[in-house]
Amino acid sequence: MRFRIHNTWPSLSEEALSYLTKNGGDVSYRRWLGLPEDEICREIKGLDAIIAGGERYTRKVFDSADRLKIVARVGAGVDHVDLTAATDHGIWVTNTPSANSPAVADFTIGMILCLLRNIHGMARDMKLGRWQRFCGRELGQVTLGIVGAGSIGRQVIKRARGFGTRVLANDIVPDHDFAAEWQFEYVPLDELMADSDVVSLHVPLDESTRGFIDARRLRLMKGTAYLINTSRAPVVDRAALLEVLQAREITGAALDVHDPAPCAPDDPLVALDNVLATPWSAFNTEASITRMSIAAAQEVIEVLQGNLPKFPVNEVSGSGSA
């Protein structure tokens, strides 16, 4: 039996594509990001499975799906998928947790080092003919606050502890055994914001985290502190962040995530000289892409063959092998 599988993610690896094909998949490709909802509704008809990028899956989209069994998200975030609607239609939604964690953790440490030593600023000055040194801080001499000590947050903690960094963490489910092993402390969020020299965000976007780094919490931060966001842009109140950065109430920020994405060329946050902005690239390594691609492809085949997925983010009743 052949399955109609549509891939919307432009970076799907050849290994994953071959795996899908060998296991009965007829795979098509078209990027759906940015398409109107009505067009996605037309495209989704007749499909058995989707390997999904960052496009939105609304209730109307799921209402139009007449054969769909699974939306396999490449990456961890599923904030753009209506999980209730998917469940109502008996459609699995999966993600690839941990597949991009090493890449994002490496990138986060890179951003922190750039900010603490102003590497990006000095490099820019050199190209402009300016010989201007910057007296920075060592990573082992600062306190790093990790907001969200899940898969990515833990990887950042491990790397930071290798530098001898003091680490504070906040998470809705503290793992005290992990904290004892890596010698860091869980603290309330407000305490973390106030005591950290660098605050790094690693939480999923949902109704509990949307805008929870607000003006009040930003103003708890030290005037010498930095904010790092490689999670989702809306977890931070954008207007409040712009205001505190413009007023130099914190020293700077590094932002890899943006809403909308791509951001406008004249985005006022990106334009600030105390912001290090990158184009949503923390995940983007060869190894990470390979891991995410294969994990998503395996989820698709498992479900299409009547088995349970390994990493579901919703629960479909009456599914799976007997």
C-alpha atoms as a PDB file:
ATOM      1  CA  MET A   1       0.000   0.000   0.000  1.00  0.00           C
ATOM      2  CA  ARG A   2       1.302   3.457  -0.910  1.00  0.00           C
ATOM      3  CA  PHE A   3       0.826   6.530   1.267  1.00  0.00           C
ATOM      4  CA  ARG A   4       0.536  10.135   0.178  1.00  0.00           C
ATOM      5  CA  ILE A   5       2.997  12.098   2.287  1.00  0.00           C
ATOM      6  CA  HIS A   6       3.540  15.815   1.875  1.00  0.00           C
ATOM      7  CA  ASN A   7       6.680  17.546   3.132  1.00  0.00           C
ATOM      8  CA  THR A   8       6.554  21.288   3.805  1.00  0.00           C
ATOM      9  CA  TRP A   9      10.040  21.583   5.339  1.00  0.00           C
ATOM     10  CA  PRO A  10      12.732  22.627   2.828  1.00  0.00           C
ATOM     11  CA  SER A  11      15.624  21.043   4.742  1.00  0.00           C
ATOM     12  CA  LEU A  12      14.367  17.436   4.918  1.00  0.00           C
ATOM     13  CA  SER A  13      17.411  15.191   4.533  1.00  0.00           C
ATOM     14  CA  GLU A  14      17.897  12.761   1.673  1.00  0.00           C
ATOM     15  CA  GLU A  15      18.189   9.972   4.231  1.00  0.00           C
ATOM     16  CA  ALA A  16      14.734  10.765   5.600  1.00  0.00           C
ATOM     17  CA  LEU A  17      13.251  11.058   2.120  1.00  0.00           C
ATOM     18  CA  SER A  18      14.706   7.677   1.202  1.00  0.00           C
ATOM     19  CA  TYR A  19      13.293   6.139   4.391  1.00  0.00           C
ATOM     20  CA  LEU A  20       9.808   7.427   3.594  1.00  0.00           C
ATOM     21  CA  THR A  21       9.969   6.153   0.025  1.00  0.00           C
ATOM     22  CA  LYS A  22      11.230   2.703   1.001  1.00  0.00           C
ATOM     23  CA  ASN A  23       8.376   2.363   3.483  1.00  0.00           C
ATOM     24  CA  GLY A  24       5.569   3.051   1.047  1.00  0.00           C
ATOM     25  CA  GLY A  25       5.557   6.823   0.865  1.00  0.00           C
ATOM     26  CA  ASP A  26       4.889   8.845  -2.273  1.00  0.00           C
ATOM     27  CA  VAL A  27       6.407  12.100  -1.125  1.00  0.00           C
ATOM     28  CA  SER A  28       5.560  15.521  -2.523  1.00  0.00           C
ATOM     29  CA  TYR A  29       7.117  18.829  -1.533  1.00  0.00           C
ATOM     30  CA  ARG A  30       5.833  22.358  -1.376  1.00  0.00           C
ATOM     31  CA  ARG A  31       6.538  24.876   1.316  1.00  0.00           C
ATOM     32  CA  TRP A  32       3.286  25.984   2.966  1.00  0.00           C
ATOM     33  CA  LEU A  33       4.723  28.664   5.255  1.00  0.00           C
ATOM     34  CA  GLY A  34       2.972  31.914   4.428  1.00  0.00           C
ATOM     35  CA  LEU A  35       0.217  30.351   2.317  1.00  0.00           C
ATOM     36  CA  PRO A  36      -3.353  31.533   2.944  1.00  0.00           C
ATOM     37  CA  GLU A  37      -5.447  29.251   5.117  1.00  0.00           C
ATOM     38  CA  ASP A  38      -7.832  28.442   2.257  1.00  0.00           C
ATOM     39  CA  GLU A  39      -4.967  27.295   0.069  1.00  0.00           C
ATOM     40  CA  ILE A  40      -3.656  24.965   2.768  1.00  0.00           C
ATOM     41  CA  CYS A  41      -7.208  23.617   3.111  1.00  0.00           C
ATOM     42  CA  ARG A  42      -7.172  22.703  -0.569  1.00  0.00           C
ATOM     43  CA  GLU A  43      -3.658  21.250  -0.442  1.00  0.00           C
ATOM     44  CA  ILE A  44      -4.355  19.003   2.542  1.00  0.00           C
ATOM     45  CA  LYS A  45      -7.112  16.987   0.881  1.00  0.00           C
ATOM     46  CA  GLY A  46      -6.138  13.425   0.044  1.00  0.00           C
ATOM     47  CA  LEU A  47      -2.976  13.414   2.160  1.00  0.00           C
ATOM     48  CA  ASP A  48      -2.172  10.621   4.601  1.00  0.00           C
ATOM     49  CA  ALA A  49       0.636  12.412   6.422  1.00  0.00           C
ATOM     50  CA  ILE A  50       2.454  15.726   6.608  1.00  0.00           C
ATOM     51  CA  ILE A  51       6.004  16.484   7.628  1.00  0.00           C
ATOM     52  CA  ALA A  52       5.447  19.996   8.904  1.00  0.00           C
ATOM     53  CA  GLY A  53       7.497  23.138   9.124  1.00  0.00           C
ATOM     54  CA  GLY A  54       6.313  26.335  10.766  1.00  0.00           C
ATOM     55  CA  GLU A  55       3.001  26.829   8.956  1.00  0.00           C
ATOM     56  CA  ARG A  56      -0.244  27.121  10.911  1.00  0.00           C
ATOM     57  CA  TYR A  57      -2.719  24.261  11.289  1.00  0.00           C
ATOM     58  CA  THR A  58      -6.078  25.685  12.324  1.00  0.00           C
ATOM     59  CA  ARG A  59      -9.372  23.941  12.997  1.00  0.00           C
ATOM     60  CA  LYS A  60     -10.503  24.916   9.497  1.00  0.00           C
ATOM     61  CA  VAL A  61      -7.412  23.207   8.054  1.00  0.00           C
ATOM     62  CA  PHE A  62      -8.094  20.012  10.017  1.00  0.00           C
ATOM     63  CA  ASP A  63     -11.759  20.156   8.977  1.00  0.00           C
ATOM     64  CA  SER A  64     -10.533  19.938   5.377  1.00  0.00           C
ATOM     65  CA  ALA A  65      -8.313  16.898   5.984  1.00  0.00           C
ATOM     66  CA  ASP A  66     -10.197  13.867   4.661  1.00  0.00           C
ATOM     67  CA  ARG A  67      -7.480  11.191   5.048  1.00  0.00           C
ATOM     68  CA  LEU A  68      -4.854  12.699   7.312  1.00  0.00           C
ATOM     69  CA  LYS A  69      -3.421  10.511  10.083  1.00  0.00           C
ATOM     70  CA  ILE A  70      -0.438  12.524  11.337  1.00  0.00           C
ATOM     71  CA  VAL A  71       1.211  15.927  11.303  1.00  0.00           C
ATOM     72  CA  ALA A  72       4.847  15.242  12.160  1.00  0.00           C
ATOM     73  CA  ARG A  73       6.403  18.529  13.219  1.00  0.00           C
ATOM     74  CA  VAL A  74      10.112  18.929  12.484  1.00  0.00           C
ATOM     75  CA  GLY A  75      11.320  20.611  15.651  1.00  0.00           C
ATOM     76  CA  ALA A  76       9.943  20.881  19.163  1.00  0.00           C
ATOM     77  CA  GLY A  77       7.460  23.748  19.007  1.00  0.00           C
ATOM     78  CA  VAL A  78       3.795  23.046  18.232  1.00  0.00           C
ATOM     79  CA  ASP A  79       2.343  26.416  19.200  1.00  0.00           C
ATOM     80  CA  HIS A  80       1.093  26.940  15.626  1.00  0.00           C
ATOM     81  CA  VAL A  81      -0.940  23.711  15.625  1.00  0.00           C
ATOM     82  CA  ASP A  82      -4.494  23.539  16.993  1.00  0.00           C
ATOM     83  CA  LEU A  83      -3.996  20.389  19.048  1.00  0.00           C
ATOM     84  CA  THR A  84      -7.607  20.204  20.171  1.00  0.00           C
ATOM     85  CA  ALA A  85      -8.834  20.255  16.577  1.00  0.00           C
ATOM     86  CA  ALA A  86      -6.291  17.630  15.552  1.00  0.00           C
ATOM     87  CA  THR A  87      -7.391  15.373  18.392  1.00  0.00           C
ATOM     88  CA  ASP A  88     -11.058  15.888  17.527  1.00  0.00           C
ATOM     89  CA  HIS A  89     -10.288  14.607  14.030  1.00  0.00           C
ATOM     90  CA  GLY A  90      -8.224  11.648  15.253  1.00  0.00           C
ATOM     91  CA  ILE A  91      -4.995  13.086  13.839  1.00  0.00           C
ATOM     92  CA  TRP A  92      -1.723  12.582  15.655  1.00  0.00           C
ATOM     93  CA  VAL A  93       0.599  15.541  16.124  1.00  0.00           C
ATOM     94  CA  THR A  94       4.206  14.711  16.937  1.00  0.00           C
ATOM     95  CA  ASN A  95       7.433  16.630  17.362  1.00  0.00           C
ATOM     96  CA  THR A  96      11.146  15.853  17.537  1.00  0.00           C
ATOM     97  CA  PRO A  97      12.177  16.732  21.098  1.00  0.00           C
ATOM     98  CA  SER A  98      15.893  16.714  21.859  1.00  0.00           C
ATOM     99  CA  ALA A  99      16.868  16.357  18.199  1.00  0.00           C
ATOM    100  CA  ASN A 100      17.988  19.966  17.972  1.00  0.00           C
ATOM    101  CA  SER A 101      18.966  20.415  21.631  1.00  0.00           C
ATOM    102  CA  PRO A 102      22.765  20.202  21.177  1.00  0.00           C
ATOM    103  CA  ALA A 103      22.678  22.682  18.298  1.00  0.00           C
ATOM    104  CA  VAL A 104      20.517  25.206  20.158  1.00  0.00           C
ATOM    105  CA  ALA A 105      22.605  24.836  23.314  1.00  0.00           C
ATOM    106  CA  ASP A 106      25.842  25.447  21.404  1.00  0.00           C
ATOM    107  CA  PHE A 107      24.303  28.499  19.745  1.00  0.00           C
ATOM    108  CA  THR A 108      23.105  29.845  23.084  1.00  0.00           C
ATOM    109  CA  ILE A 109      26.570  29.595  24.605  1.00  0.00           C
ATOM    110  CA  GLY A 110      27.951  31.291  21.491  1.00  0.00           C
ATOM    111  CA  MET A 111      25.507  34.172  21.917  1.00  0.00           C
ATOM    112  CA  ILE A 112      26.397  34.535  25.588  1.00  0.00           C
ATOM    113  CA  LEU A 113      30.109  34.682  24.806  1.00  0.00           C
ATOM    114  CA  CYS A 114      29.499  37.219  22.041  1.00  0.00           C
ATOM    115  CA  LEU A 115      27.605  39.486  24.414  1.00  0.00           C
ATOM    116  CA  LEU A 116      29.959  39.160  27.370  1.00  0.00           C
ATOM    117  CA  ARG A 117      32.997  39.919  25.178  1.00  0.00           C
ATOM    118  CA  ASN A 118      31.289  42.101  22.519  1.00  0.00           C
ATOM    119  CA  ILE A 119      32.833  39.927  19.815  1.00  0.00           C
ATOM    120  CA  HIS A 120      30.222  40.945  17.247  1.00  0.00           C
ATOM    121  CA  GLY A 121      30.676  44.630  18.007  1.00  0.00           C
ATOM    122  CA  MET A 122      34.463  44.557  17.806  1.00  0.00           C
ATOM    123  CA  ALA A 123      34.332  42.592  14.554  1.00  0.00           C
ATOM    124  CA  ARG A 124      31.962  45.205  13.113  1.00  0.00           C
ATOM    125  CA  ASP A 125      34.250  48.025  14.245  1.00  0.00           C
ATOM    126  CA  MET A 126      37.298  46.403  12.657  1.00  0.00           C
ATOM    127  CA  LYS A 127      35.567  46.296   9.273  1.00  0.00           C
ATOM    128  CA  LEU A 128      34.867  50.020   9.669  1.00  0.00           C
ATOM    129  CA  GLY A 129      38.529  50.715  10.389  1.00  0.00           C
ATOM    130  CA  ARG A 130      38.060  51.226  14.126  1.00  0.00           C
ATOM    131  CA  TRP A 131      40.542  49.732  16.581  1.00  0.00           C
ATOM    132  CA  GLN A 132      38.353  49.735  19.707  1.00  0.00           C
ATOM    133  CA  ARG A 133      38.931  47.197  22.459  1.00  0.00           C
ATOM    134  CA  PHE A 134      36.180  46.077  24.830  1.00  0.00           C
ATOM    135  CA  CYS A 135      36.740  44.989  28.433  1.00  0.00           C
ATOM    136  CA  GLY A 136      34.304  42.140  28.914  1.00  0.00           C
ATOM    137  CA  ARG A 137      33.436  39.477  31.426  1.00  0.00           C
ATOM    138  CA  GLU A 138      34.373  35.805  31.623  1.00  0.00           C
ATOM    139  CA  LEU A 139      31.606  33.228  31.464  1.00  0.00           C
ATOM    140  CA  GLY A 140      33.009  31.498  34.526  1.00  0.00           C
ATOM    141  CA  GLN A 141      32.643  34.710  36.540  1.00  0.00           C
ATOM    142  CA  VAL A 142      28.939  35.408  35.947  1.00  0.00           C
ATOM    143  CA  THR A 143      25.629  33.946  37.082  1.00  0.00           C
ATOM    144  CA  LEU A 144      23.541  32.387  34.325  1.00  0.00           C
ATOM    145  CA  GLY A 145      19.779  32.064  34.765  1.00  0.00           C
ATOM    146  CA  ILE A 146      18.084  29.303  32.771  1.00  0.00           C
ATOM    147  CA  VAL A 147      14.322  29.745  32.364  1.00  0.00           C
ATOM    148  CA  GLY A 148      13.060  26.316  31.340  1.00  0.00           C
ATOM    149  CA  ALA A 149      15.368  23.438  32.270  1.00  0.00           C
ATOM    150  CA  GLY A 150      14.038  20.946  29.747  1.00  0.00           C
ATOM    151  CA  SER A 151      16.016  19.232  27.023  1.00  0.00           C
ATOM    152  CA  ILE A 152      17.679  22.376  25.650  1.00  0.00           C
ATOM    153  CA  GLY A 153      17.995  24.123  28.997  1.00  0.00           C
ATOM    154  CA  ARG A 154      19.794  21.127  30.464  1.00  0.00           C
ATOM    155  CA  GLN A 155      22.257  21.067  27.589  1.00  0.00           C
ATOM    156  CA  VAL A 156      23.002  24.748  28.179  1.00  0.00           C
ATOM    157  CA  ILE A 157      23.489  24.077  31.891  1.00  0.00           C
ATOM    158  CA  LYS A 158      25.980  21.300  31.194  1.00  0.00           C
ATOM    159  CA  ARG A 159      27.991  23.507  28.843  1.00  0.00           C
ATOM    160  CA  ALA A 160      27.920  26.473  31.199  1.00  0.00           C
ATOM    161  CA  ARG A 161      29.021  24.370  34.171  1.00  0.00           C
ATOM    162  CA  GLY A 162      32.011  23.324  32.064  1.00  0.00           C
ATOM    163  CA  PHE A 163      33.091  26.979  32.181  1.00  0.00           C
ATOM    164  CA  GLY A 164      32.612  27.039  35.946  1.00  0.00           C
ATOM    165  CA  THR A 165      29.560  29.276  35.651  1.00  0.00           C
ATOM    166  CA  ARG A 166      27.190  29.653  38.579  1.00  0.00           C
ATOM    167  CA  VAL A 167      23.771  28.547  37.308  1.00  0.00           C
ATOM    168  CA  LEU A 168      20.282  29.293  38.571  1.00  0.00           C
ATOM    169  CA  ALA A 169      17.273  27.607  36.966  1.00  0.00           C
ATOM    170  CA  ASN A 170      13.512  27.843  36.982  1.00  0.00           C
ATOM    171  CA  ASP A 171      11.211  25.096  35.756  1.00  0.00           C
ATOM    172  CA  ILE A 172       7.667  23.959  36.475  1.00  0.00           C
ATOM    173  CA  VAL A 173       9.004  20.450  37.192  1.00  0.00           C
ATOM    174  CA  PRO A 174      12.356  20.735  39.000  1.00  0.00           C
ATOM    175  CA  ASP A 175      14.698  17.758  38.745  1.00  0.00           C
ATOM    176  CA  HIS A 176      16.651  17.912  41.973  1.00  0.00           C
ATOM    177  CA  ASP A 177      18.791  14.875  41.158  1.00  0.00           C
ATOM    178  CA  PHE A 178      19.962  16.572  37.950  1.00  0.00           C
ATOM    179  CA  ALA A 179      20.577  19.790  39.895  1.00  0.00           C
ATOM    180  CA  ALA A 180      22.704  17.942  42.441  1.00  0.00           C
ATOM    181  CA  GLU A 181      24.703  16.218  39.695  1.00  0.00           C
ATOM    182  CA  TRP A 182      25.433  19.474  37.825  1.00  0.00           C
ATOM    183  CA  GLN A 183      25.645  21.673  40.912  1.00  0.00           C
ATOM    184  CA  PHE A 184      23.060  24.343  40.197  1.00  0.00           C
ATOM    185  CA  GLU A 185      20.051  25.674  42.076  1.00  0.00           C
ATOM    186  CA  TYR A 186      16.346  25.959  41.259  1.00  0.00           C
ATOM    187  CA  VAL A 187      14.899  29.298  42.337  1.00  0.00           C
ATOM    188  CA  PRO A 188      11.657  31.247  41.812  1.00  0.00           C
ATOM    189  CA  LEU A 189      11.509  33.115  38.496  1.00  0.00           C
ATOM    190  CA  ASP A 190      11.598  36.605  40.013  1.00  0.00           C
ATOM    191  CA  GLU A 191      14.678  35.702  42.043  1.00  0.00           C
ATOM    192  CA  LEU A 192      16.356  34.321  38.932  1.00  0.00           C
ATOM    193  CA  MET A 193      15.613  37.484  36.948  1.00  0.00           C
ATOM    194  CA  ALA A 194      17.054  39.678  39.709  1.00  0.00           C
ATOM    195  CA  ASP A 195      20.186  37.668  40.506  1.00  0.00           C
ATOM    196  CA  SER A 196      21.396  36.598  37.027  1.00  0.00           C
ATOM    197  CA  ASP A 197      23.952  38.372  34.867  1.00  0.00           C
ATOM    198  CA  VAL A 198      22.581  36.540  31.834  1.00  0.00           C
ATOM    199  CA  VAL A 199      19.020  35.217  31.527  1.00  0.00           C
ATOM    200  CA  SER A 200      18.465  32.583  28.821  1.00  0.00           C
ATOM    201  CA  LEU A 201      14.950  31.499  27.809  1.00  0.00           C
ATOM    202  CA  HIS A 202      14.199  27.856  26.910  1.00  0.00           C
ATOM    203  CA  VAL A 203      10.442  27.441  27.405  1.00  0.00           C
ATOM    204  CA  PRO A 204       7.733  26.322  24.972  1.00  0.00           C
ATOM    205  CA  LEU A 205       5.146  28.858  23.876  1.00  0.00           C
ATOM    206  CA  ASP A 206       1.723  28.264  25.376  1.00  0.00           C
ATOM    207  CA  GLU A 207      -0.836  30.333  27.240  1.00  0.00           C
ATOM    208  CA  SER A 208       1.152  30.087  30.464  1.00  0.00           C
ATOM    209  CA  THR A 209       4.350  31.452  28.901  1.00  0.00           C
ATOM    210  CA  ARG A 210       3.019  33.962  26.342  1.00  0.00           C
ATOM    211  CA  GLY A 211       4.331  37.335  27.469  1.00  0.00           C
ATOM    212  CA  PHE A 212       5.362  36.069  30.897  1.00  0.00           C
ATOM    213  CA  ILE A 213       8.689  37.890  30.595  1.00  0.00           C
ATOM    214  CA  ASP A 214       6.900  41.205  30.943  1.00  0.00           C
ATOM    215  CA  ALA A 215       7.892  44.755  31.847  1.00  0.00           C
ATOM    216  CA  ARG A 216       7.921  44.004  35.569  1.00  0.00           C
ATOM    217  CA  ARG A 217      10.193  40.991  35.209  1.00  0.00           C
ATOM    218  CA  LEU A 218      12.499  42.720  32.745  1.00  0.00           C
ATOM    219  CA  ARG A 219      12.933  45.550  35.230  1.00  0.00           C
ATOM    220  CA  LEU A 220      13.957  43.064  37.912  1.00  0.00           C
ATOM    221  CA  MET A 221      17.116  42.413  35.894  1.00  0.00           C
ATOM    222  CA  LYS A 222      20.428  44.076  36.706  1.00  0.00           C
ATOM    223  CA  GLY A 223      21.385  47.079  34.619  1.00  0.00           C
ATOM    224  CA  THR A 224      24.477  45.120  33.546  1.00  0.00           C
ATOM    225  CA  ALA A 225      22.525  42.002  32.553  1.00  0.00           C
ATOM    226  CA  TYR A 226      21.722  40.429  29.180  1.00  0.00           C
ATOM    227  CA  LEU A 227      18.654  38.546  27.930  1.00  0.00           C
ATOM    228  CA  ILE A 228      18.972  35.621  25.490  1.00  0.00           C
ATOM    229  CA  ASN A 229      15.953  34.255  23.610  1.00  0.00           C
ATOM    230  CA  THR A 230      16.260  31.161  21.436  1.00  0.00           C
ATOM    231  CA  SER A 231      12.807  29.793  22.364  1.00  0.00           C
ATOM    232  CA  ARG A 232       9.842  31.740  20.936  1.00  0.00           C
ATOM    233  CA  ALA A 233       9.544  35.493  20.491  1.00  0.00           C
ATOM    234  CA  PRO A 234       6.103  35.906  22.144  1.00  0.00           C
ATOM    235  CA  VAL A 235       7.298  34.610  25.510  1.00  0.00           C
ATOM    236  CA  VAL A 236       8.728  38.120  25.940  1.00  0.00           C
ATOM    237  CA  ASP A 237       6.590  41.270  25.912  1.00  0.00           C
ATOM    238  CA  ARG A 238       8.064  42.868  22.800  1.00  0.00           C
ATOM    239  CA  ALA A 239       7.092  46.450  23.597  1.00  0.00           C
ATOM    240  CA  ALA A 240       8.512  46.177  27.109  1.00  0.00           C
ATOM    241  CA  LEU A 241      11.770  44.660  25.837  1.00  0.00           C
ATOM    242  CA  LEU A 242      12.177  47.418  23.281  1.00  0.00           C
ATOM    243  CA  GLU A 243      11.601  50.031  25.980  1.00  0.00           C
ATOM    244  CA  VAL A 244      14.113  48.646  28.494  1.00  0.00           C
ATOM    245  CA  LEU A 245      16.751  48.165  25.799  1.00  0.00           C
ATOM    246  CA  GLN A 246      16.294  51.671  24.426  1.00  0.00           C
ATOM    247  CA  ALA A 247      16.546  53.088  27.941  1.00  0.00           C
ATOM    248  CA  ARG A 248      19.616  50.893  28.698  1.00  0.00           C
ATOM    249  CA  GLU A 249      17.818  49.497  31.735  1.00  0.00           C
ATOM    250  CA  ILE A 250      19.528  46.235  30.789  1.00  0.00           C
ATOM    251  CA  THR A 251      22.796  46.144  28.869  1.00  0.00           C
ATOM    252  CA  GLY A 252      21.674  44.099  25.882  1.00  0.00           C
ATOM    253  CA  ALA A 253      19.930  41.114  24.366  1.00  0.00           C
ATOM    254  CA  ALA A 254      20.516  38.336  21.859  1.00  0.00           C
ATOM    255  CA  LEU A 255      17.450  37.302  19.862  1.00  0.00           C
ATOM    256  CA  ASP A 256      17.312  34.366  17.460  1.00  0.00           C
ATOM    257  CA  VAL A 257      13.513  34.177  17.349  1.00  0.00           C
ATOM    258  CA  HIS A 258      11.173  36.762  15.862  1.00  0.00           C
ATOM    259  CA  ASP A 259       7.456  37.328  15.393  1.00  0.00           C
ATOM    260  CA  PRO A 260       6.695  37.653  12.579  1.00  0.00           C
ATOM    261  CA  ALA A 261       9.452  35.681  10.900  1.00  0.00           C
ATOM    262  CA  PRO A 262      11.113  36.825   8.770  1.00  0.00           C
ATOM    263  CA  CYS A 263      11.065  40.123  10.615  1.00  0.00           C
ATOM    264  CA  ALA A 264      10.839  43.426   8.791  1.00  0.00           C
ATOM    265  CA  PRO A 265      14.130  44.907   7.514  1.00  0.00           C
ATOM    266  CA  ASP A 266      13.532  47.958   9.693  1.00  0.00           C
ATOM    267  CA  ASP A 267      12.501  46.020  12.810  1.00  0.00           C
ATOM    268  CA  PRO A 268      13.230  48.436  15.677  1.00  0.00           C
ATOM    269  CA  LEU A 269      14.489  45.694  17.992  1.00  0.00           C
ATOM    270  CA  VAL A 270      16.950  44.379  15.420  1.00  0.00           C
ATOM    271  CA  ALA A 271      18.144  47.923  14.692  1.00  0.00           C
ATOM    272  CA  LEU A 272      19.264  48.586  18.266  1.00  0.00           C
ATOM    273  CA  ASP A 273      23.029  48.628  18.741  1.00  0.00           C
ATOM    274  CA  ASN A 274      22.716  46.644  21.985  1.00  0.00           C
ATOM    275  CA  VAL A 275      20.862  43.771  20.307  1.00  0.00           C
ATOM    276  CA  LEU A 276      22.547  40.781  18.680  1.00  0.00           C
ATOM    277  CA  ALA A 277      19.926  39.434  16.258  1.00  0.00           C
ATOM    278  CA  THR A 278      20.127  36.294  14.140  1.00  0.00           C
ATOM    279  CA  PRO A 279      17.592  34.796  11.680  1.00  0.00           C
ATOM    280  CA  TRP A 280      16.095  31.907  13.720  1.00  0.00           C
ATOM    281  CA  SER A 281      19.133  29.708  13.141  1.00  0.00           C
ATOM    282  CA  ALA A 282      20.026  28.139  16.495  1.00  0.00           C
ATOM    283  CA  PHE A 283      18.787  24.712  15.341  1.00  0.00           C
ATOM    284  CA  ASN A 284      20.512  24.863  11.984  1.00  0.00           C
ATOM    285  CA  THR A 285      23.404  22.406  11.897  1.00  0.00           C
ATOM    286  CA  GLU A 286      23.928  19.429   9.614  1.00  0.00           C
ATOM    287  CA  ALA A 287      23.652  16.963  12.480  1.00  0.00           C
ATOM    288  CA  SER A 288      20.549  18.607  13.920  1.00  0.00           C
ATOM    289  CA  ILE A 289      18.756  18.646  10.567  1.00  0.00           C
ATOM    290  CA  THR A 290      19.576  14.980  10.049  1.00  0.00           C
ATOM    291  CA  ARG A 291      18.267  14.012  13.494  1.00  0.00           C
ATOM    292  CA  MET A 292      15.064  16.037  13.124  1.00  0.00           C
ATOM    293  CA  SER A 293      14.405  14.755   9.606  1.00  0.00           C
ATOM    294  CA  ILE A 294      14.825  11.101  10.510  1.00  0.00           C
ATOM    295  CA  ALA A 295      12.793  11.434  13.713  1.00  0.00           C
ATOM    296  CA  ALA A 296       9.863  13.044  11.866  1.00  0.00           C
ATOM    297  CA  ALA A 297      10.000  10.474   9.060  1.00  0.00           C
ATOM    298  CA  GLN A 298       9.986   7.602  11.549  1.00  0.00           C
ATOM    299  CA  GLU A 299       6.926   9.021  13.296  1.00  0.00           C
ATOM    300  CA  VAL A 300       5.063   9.219   9.983  1.00  0.00           C
ATOM    301  CA  ILE A 301       5.777   5.607   9.062  1.00  0.00           C
ATOM    302  CA  GLU A 302       4.942   4.320  12.543  1.00  0.00           C
ATOM    303  CA  VAL A 303       1.508   5.904  12.457  1.00  0.00           C
ATOM    304  CA  LEU A 304       0.767   4.981   8.835  1.00  0.00           C
ATOM    305  CA  GLN A 305       1.636   1.372   9.650  1.00  0.00           C
ATOM    306  CA  GLY A 306      -0.881   1.387  12.512  1.00  0.00           C
ATOM    307  CA  ASN A 307       1.511   1.858  15.402  1.00  0.00           C
ATOM    308  CA  LEU A 308       1.725   4.484  18.125  1.00  0.00           C
ATOM    309  CA  PRO A 309       4.110   7.409  17.596  1.00  0.00           C
ATOM    310  CA  LYS A 310       7.099   7.784  19.870  1.00  0.00           C
ATOM    311  CA  PHE A 311       6.745  11.512  20.568  1.00  0.00           C
ATOM    312  CA  PRO A 312       3.047  12.476  20.461  1.00  0.00           C
ATOM    313  CA  VAL A 313       1.962  15.872  21.755  1.00  0.00           C
ATOM    314  CA  ASN A 314      -1.720  14.933  21.708  1.00  0.00           C
ATOM    315  CA  GLU A 315      -3.619  11.739  22.461  1.00  0.00           C
ATOM    316  CA  VAL A 316      -5.723  10.032  19.812  1.00  0.00           C
ATOM    317  CA  SER A 317      -8.066   7.430  21.228  1.00  0.00           C
ATOM    318  CA  GLY A 318      -8.415   4.045  19.569  1.00  0.00           C
ATOM    319  CA  SER A 319      -5.094   4.299  17.732  1.00  0.00           C
ATOM    320  CA  GLY A 320      -2.177   1.956  17.518  1.00  0.00           C
ATOM    321  CA  SER A 321      -1.602  -1.759  17.051  1.00  0.00           C
ATOM    322  CA  ALA A 322      -3.681  -4.293  18.948  1.00  0.00           C
END
